[in-house]
Amino acid sequence: MPAGLEFADKEGNAVKSCYISIPEKNWVIELADELRHRNIKAVFATDVYELEGTYASNVASVIRSCDITLCIADDEDSLKSVLFEAGIAFGIGRKVLLATSYDAGNVPINYSEFPIIRLDSSHFKEIVGYVEEVLKYGKKP
């Protein structure tokens, strides 16, 4: 596990963790709070204190330490950005959930193996509900 990442509550009990890929910082604090209320730790690439190596290797290291990767995209540019991190997560065998208000028809076919929900980032409570479902049941929310 990368230095600085601990996924336990105050009593030392293990908690689930969710890597969040979101280019825009809209709703990110509320999203992280909602995850925490459901005993899921929100994790970002910036949570690694000692970054060494390439961006991709750092992101892969953080994603590898998490139970699920949540990718949120509200437009074409943000979709391109989050699909990079989704691809890393999928490639190393982690669960992936894509939340987008953008036309899911524009998601490349090889990414259709993981669940895609049609919600924009302002629906963070509903998104967290889907995160819980994917963590509990697997690919299909």
Protein backbone atom coordinates (compact mmCIF):
# COMPACT_ATOMS: atom_id res chain seq x y z
CA MET A 1 0.00 0.00 0.00
CA PRO A 2 1.37 3.47 -0.81
CA ALA A 3 2.83 5.49 2.05
CA GLY A 4 0.28 7.61 3.88
CA LEU A 5 -2.84 5.62 2.95
CA GLU A 6 -4.63 3.94 5.82
CA PHE A 7 -8.04 2.43 5.42
CA ALA A 8 -9.26 1.81 8.96
CA ASP A 9 -11.68 3.58 11.26
CA LYS A 10 -10.73 5.00 14.67
CA GLU A 11 -11.13 1.59 16.27
CA GLY A 12 -8.79 -0.01 13.75
CA ASN A 13 -11.54 -1.78 11.79
CA ALA A 14 -10.94 -2.08 8.07
CA VAL A 15 -13.06 0.17 5.86
CA LYS A 16 -13.71 0.03 2.14
CA SER A 17 -11.98 2.62 0.01
CA CYS A 18 -13.00 4.40 -3.17
CA TYR A 19 -10.55 6.09 -5.53
CA ILE A 20 -12.30 9.08 -7.08
CA SER A 21 -11.41 10.31 -10.55
CA ILE A 22 -13.10 13.64 -11.20
CA PRO A 23 -11.46 16.41 -13.25
CA GLU A 24 -13.67 19.15 -11.87
CA LYS A 25 -13.74 19.62 -8.11
CA ASN A 26 -17.52 20.24 -8.08
CA TRP A 27 -19.21 18.34 -5.26
CA VAL A 28 -16.02 16.53 -4.26
CA ILE A 29 -16.19 17.53 -0.58
CA GLU A 30 -19.86 16.54 -0.32
CA LEU A 31 -19.13 13.31 -2.18
CA ALA A 32 -16.23 12.44 0.16
CA ASP A 33 -18.40 13.26 3.19
CA GLU A 34 -21.23 11.06 1.94
CA LEU A 35 -18.79 8.18 1.38
CA ARG A 36 -17.37 8.65 4.89
CA HIS A 37 -20.88 8.56 6.39
CA ARG A 38 -21.28 5.16 4.75
CA ASN A 39 -17.92 3.95 6.10
CA ILE A 40 -16.11 4.23 2.75
CA LYS A 41 -12.89 6.24 2.56
CA ALA A 42 -12.58 8.65 -0.37
CA VAL A 43 -9.10 8.49 -1.91
CA PHE A 44 -7.52 10.78 -4.49
CA ALA A 45 -4.19 10.65 -6.33
CA THR A 46 -3.08 13.59 -4.19
CA ASP A 47 -3.40 11.42 -1.06
CA VAL A 48 0.03 9.90 -1.74
CA TYR A 49 2.54 11.93 0.27
CA GLU A 50 5.71 10.81 -1.49
CA LEU A 51 5.19 10.79 -5.23
CA GLU A 52 8.00 9.08 -7.07
CA GLY A 53 7.87 7.80 -10.60
CA THR A 54 5.44 8.61 -13.36
CA TYR A 55 1.93 9.95 -12.97
CA ALA A 56 0.51 6.67 -14.28
CA SER A 57 2.51 4.55 -11.83
CA ASN A 58 1.48 6.77 -8.91
CA VAL A 59 -2.18 6.61 -9.89
CA ALA A 60 -1.95 2.84 -10.41
CA SER A 61 -0.42 2.46 -6.96
CA VAL A 62 -3.23 4.42 -5.32
CA ILE A 63 -5.93 2.63 -7.32
CA ARG A 64 -4.41 -0.76 -6.46
CA SER A 65 -4.79 0.05 -2.75
CA CYS A 66 -8.53 0.82 -3.15
CA ASP A 67 -11.58 -1.43 -3.44
CA ILE A 68 -13.28 0.51 -6.25
CA THR A 69 -12.57 3.35 -8.68
CA LEU A 70 -15.35 5.89 -9.19
CA CYS A 71 -15.01 7.95 -12.37
CA ILE A 72 -17.25 10.99 -12.77
CA ALA A 73 -17.51 12.83 -16.08
CA ASP A 74 -19.98 15.54 -17.08
CA ASP A 75 -18.63 16.39 -20.55
CA GLU A 76 -16.40 15.06 -23.32
CA ASP A 77 -13.15 16.51 -21.92
CA SER A 78 -13.72 15.13 -18.43
CA LEU A 79 -14.76 11.78 -19.93
CA LYS A 80 -11.40 11.50 -21.72
CA SER A 81 -9.58 12.26 -18.48
CA VAL A 82 -11.43 9.78 -16.26
CA LEU A 83 -11.29 6.99 -18.84
CA PHE A 84 -7.49 7.00 -18.48
CA GLU A 85 -7.80 6.21 -14.77
CA ALA A 86 -10.71 3.81 -15.39
CA GLY A 87 -8.49 1.92 -17.81
CA ILE A 88 -5.74 1.64 -15.20
CA ALA A 89 -8.21 0.34 -12.61
CA PHE A 90 -9.80 -2.11 -15.03
CA GLY A 91 -6.37 -3.31 -16.18
CA ILE A 92 -5.24 -4.15 -12.65
CA GLY A 93 -8.49 -5.90 -11.82
CA ARG A 94 -10.26 -3.32 -9.66
CA LYS A 95 -13.98 -2.61 -9.69
CA VAL A 96 -14.89 0.47 -11.72
CA LEU A 97 -18.03 2.59 -11.78
CA LEU A 98 -18.50 5.40 -14.31
CA ALA A 99 -21.03 8.14 -13.52
CA THR A 100 -21.71 10.49 -16.39
CA SER A 101 -24.37 12.84 -17.66
CA TYR A 102 -22.54 12.82 -20.98
CA ASP A 103 -23.86 10.56 -23.73
CA ALA A 104 -22.74 7.06 -22.72
CA GLY A 105 -22.82 6.18 -26.42
CA ASN A 106 -19.55 8.08 -26.66
CA VAL A 107 -17.86 5.72 -24.20
CA PRO A 108 -15.53 3.40 -26.13
CA ILE A 109 -16.93 -0.12 -26.41
CA ASN A 110 -14.04 -1.70 -24.48
CA TYR A 111 -15.08 0.33 -21.43
CA SER A 112 -18.63 -1.01 -21.52
CA GLU A 113 -17.54 -3.95 -19.33
CA PHE A 114 -17.97 -1.90 -16.17
CA PRO A 115 -21.18 -0.28 -14.93
CA ILE A 116 -22.10 3.12 -16.32
CA ILE A 117 -24.77 5.20 -14.57
CA ARG A 118 -26.37 8.27 -16.10
CA LEU A 119 -26.08 10.90 -13.37
CA ASP A 120 -24.16 14.14 -13.20
CA SER A 121 -21.81 14.91 -10.34
CA SER A 122 -24.42 16.92 -8.44
CA HIS A 123 -26.25 13.65 -7.63
CA PHE A 124 -23.48 12.54 -5.28
CA LYS A 125 -25.80 10.76 -2.79
CA GLU A 126 -27.23 8.56 -5.52
CA ILE A 127 -23.73 7.94 -6.91
CA VAL A 128 -22.52 6.80 -3.48
CA GLY A 129 -25.48 4.40 -3.32
CA TYR A 130 -24.27 2.82 -6.56
CA VAL A 131 -20.71 2.65 -5.18
CA GLU A 132 -22.08 0.64 -2.25
CA GLU A 133 -23.93 -1.70 -4.60
CA VAL A 134 -20.89 -2.35 -6.78
CA LEU A 135 -18.76 -2.96 -3.69
CA LYS A 136 -21.34 -5.41 -2.36
CA TYR A 137 -22.50 -7.20 -5.52
CA GLY A 138 -19.78 -6.73 -8.13
CA LYS A 139 -19.99 -5.19 -11.58
CA LYS A 140 -23.73 -4.65 -11.93
CA PRO A 141 -25.30 -1.89 -9.79
